[in-house]
Amino acid sequence: MPVADEIYHKLTDAFTPDRLEVVNDSHRHAGHAGDDGTGETHFNVILRAPAFAPMGRVQRHRAVHAALGPDLIARIHALALDIG
């Protein structure tokens, strides 16, 4: 399964979002640090979910990282998060 799909499914399961966009931006970073040649290393995520309402910015980021899990996080070089 592509990494973008894994991210999408894990975040959907964890947060039941109102809005979720996962964009693979790896092609824009080809040849840069962190590019391992797979084309699946750099991602942008827009995530809106009621679960984030009582959380601060750091708590939201920690919650997303926890939902993705250490194995998936280890395979991603860059993860830009727009969470609300």
C-alpha atoms as a PDB file:
ATOM      1  CA  MET A   1       0.000   0.000   0.000  1.00  0.00           C
ATOM      2  CA  PRO A   2       1.368   3.466  -0.830  1.00  0.00           C
ATOM      3  CA  VAL A   3       2.531   5.481   2.171  1.00  0.00           C
ATOM      4  CA  ALA A   4      -0.011   8.248   1.447  1.00  0.00           C
ATOM      5  CA  ASP A   5      -2.798   5.668   1.706  1.00  0.00           C
ATOM      6  CA  GLU A   6      -1.389   4.329   4.977  1.00  0.00           C
ATOM      7  CA  ILE A   7      -1.305   7.856   6.396  1.00  0.00           C
ATOM      8  CA  TYR A   8      -4.863   8.505   5.221  1.00  0.00           C
ATOM      9  CA  HIS A   9      -6.275   5.294   6.707  1.00  0.00           C
ATOM     10  CA  LYS A  10      -4.489   5.614  10.043  1.00  0.00           C
ATOM     11  CA  LEU A  11      -5.573   9.225  10.513  1.00  0.00           C
ATOM     12  CA  THR A  12      -9.140   8.443   9.475  1.00  0.00           C
ATOM     13  CA  ASP A  13      -9.315   5.577  11.959  1.00  0.00           C
ATOM     14  CA  ALA A  14      -7.820   7.641  14.773  1.00  0.00           C
ATOM     15  CA  PHE A  15      -9.660  10.953  14.361  1.00  0.00           C
ATOM     16  CA  THR A  16     -12.769  10.543  12.138  1.00  0.00           C
ATOM     17  CA  PRO A  17     -11.873  13.820  10.423  1.00  0.00           C
ATOM     18  CA  ASP A  18     -14.206  16.351   8.840  1.00  0.00           C
ATOM     19  CA  ARG A  19     -11.450  17.022   6.311  1.00  0.00           C
ATOM     20  CA  LEU A  20      -8.342  15.050   5.461  1.00  0.00           C
ATOM     21  CA  GLU A  21      -5.952  15.610   2.592  1.00  0.00           C
ATOM     22  CA  VAL A  22      -2.703  13.707   2.224  1.00  0.00           C
ATOM     23  CA  VAL A  23      -0.455  14.923  -0.573  1.00  0.00           C
ATOM     24  CA  ASN A  24       2.701  13.094  -1.600  1.00  0.00           C
ATOM     25  CA  ASP A  25       5.130  15.924  -2.279  1.00  0.00           C
ATOM     26  CA  SER A  26       8.184  13.702  -2.737  1.00  0.00           C
ATOM     27  CA  HIS A  27       8.665  14.552  -6.412  1.00  0.00           C
ATOM     28  CA  ARG A  28       9.501  18.135  -5.404  1.00  0.00           C
ATOM     29  CA  HIS A  29      12.358  16.860  -3.230  1.00  0.00           C
ATOM     30  CA  ALA A  30      14.011  14.390  -5.603  1.00  0.00           C
ATOM     31  CA  GLY A  31      17.752  14.376  -5.033  1.00  0.00           C
ATOM     32  CA  HIS A  32      17.503  16.328  -1.785  1.00  0.00           C
ATOM     33  CA  ALA A  33      18.325  15.103   1.696  1.00  0.00           C
ATOM     34  CA  GLY A  34      15.943  12.403   2.792  1.00  0.00           C
ATOM     35  CA  ASP A  35      15.071  11.278  -0.737  1.00  0.00           C
ATOM     36  CA  ASP A  36      15.591   7.532  -0.690  1.00  0.00           C
ATOM     37  CA  GLY A  37      14.456   7.024  -4.289  1.00  0.00           C
ATOM     38  CA  THR A  38      11.083   5.489  -3.368  1.00  0.00           C
ATOM     39  CA  GLY A  39       9.093   8.613  -4.173  1.00  0.00           C
ATOM     40  CA  GLU A  40       7.382   8.261  -0.790  1.00  0.00           C
ATOM     41  CA  THR A  41       9.322  10.379   1.689  1.00  0.00           C
ATOM     42  CA  HIS A  42       7.742  13.858   1.807  1.00  0.00           C
ATOM     43  CA  PHE A  43       4.082  14.483   2.661  1.00  0.00           C
ATOM     44  CA  ASN A  44       1.728  17.370   3.373  1.00  0.00           C
ATOM     45  CA  VAL A  45      -1.341  16.684   5.516  1.00  0.00           C
ATOM     46  CA  ILE A  46      -4.364  18.883   6.133  1.00  0.00           C
ATOM     47  CA  LEU A  47      -6.454  17.469   8.958  1.00  0.00           C
ATOM     48  CA  ARG A  48      -9.594  18.887  10.563  1.00  0.00           C
ATOM     49  CA  ALA A  49     -11.304  16.917  13.318  1.00  0.00           C
ATOM     50  CA  PRO A  50     -13.390  17.728  16.392  1.00  0.00           C
ATOM     51  CA  ALA A  51     -10.972  15.673  18.496  1.00  0.00           C
ATOM     52  CA  PHE A  52      -8.384  18.458  18.164  1.00  0.00           C
ATOM     53  CA  ALA A  53     -10.606  21.214  19.633  1.00  0.00           C
ATOM     54  CA  PRO A  54      -9.323  20.923  23.230  1.00  0.00           C
ATOM     55  CA  MET A  55      -5.693  20.381  22.202  1.00  0.00           C
ATOM     56  CA  GLY A  56      -2.865  22.821  21.741  1.00  0.00           C
ATOM     57  CA  ARG A  57      -0.571  22.740  18.712  1.00  0.00           C
ATOM     58  CA  VAL A  58       2.049  20.463  20.275  1.00  0.00           C
ATOM     59  CA  GLN A  59      -0.588  18.042  21.578  1.00  0.00           C
ATOM     60  CA  ARG A  60      -2.123  17.832  18.090  1.00  0.00           C
ATOM     61  CA  HIS A  61       1.207  17.014  16.492  1.00  0.00           C
ATOM     62  CA  ARG A  62       1.969  14.398  19.134  1.00  0.00           C
ATOM     63  CA  ALA A  63      -1.477  12.840  18.620  1.00  0.00           C
ATOM     64  CA  VAL A  64      -0.916  12.592  14.867  1.00  0.00           C
ATOM     65  CA  HIS A  65       2.537  11.047  15.317  1.00  0.00           C
ATOM     66  CA  ALA A  66       1.116   8.557  17.824  1.00  0.00           C
ATOM     67  CA  ALA A  67      -1.698   7.632  15.436  1.00  0.00           C
ATOM     68  CA  LEU A  68       0.752   7.024  12.593  1.00  0.00           C
ATOM     69  CA  GLY A  69       3.033   4.954  14.817  1.00  0.00           C
ATOM     70  CA  PRO A  70       6.814   4.717  14.972  1.00  0.00           C
ATOM     71  CA  ASP A  71       7.172   2.292  12.056  1.00  0.00           C
ATOM     72  CA  LEU A  72       5.412   4.577   9.589  1.00  0.00           C
ATOM     73  CA  ILE A  73       7.005   7.738  10.986  1.00  0.00           C
ATOM     74  CA  ALA A  74      10.443   6.142  10.502  1.00  0.00           C
ATOM     75  CA  ARG A  75       9.729   5.724   6.770  1.00  0.00           C
ATOM     76  CA  ILE A  76       8.821   9.394   6.287  1.00  0.00           C
ATOM     77  CA  HIS A  77      11.520  12.040   5.951  1.00  0.00           C
ATOM     78  CA  ALA A  78       9.248  15.100   6.032  1.00  0.00           C
ATOM     79  CA  LEU A  79       5.675  15.463   7.247  1.00  0.00           C
ATOM     80  CA  ALA A  80       4.114  18.925   7.051  1.00  0.00           C
ATOM     81  CA  LEU A  81       1.008  19.104   9.252  1.00  0.00           C
ATOM     82  CA  ASP A  82      -1.829  21.632   9.036  1.00  0.00           C
ATOM     83  CA  ILE A  83      -4.036  20.485  11.914  1.00  0.00           C
ATOM     84  CA  GLY A  84      -7.178  22.038  13.285  1.00  0.00           C
END
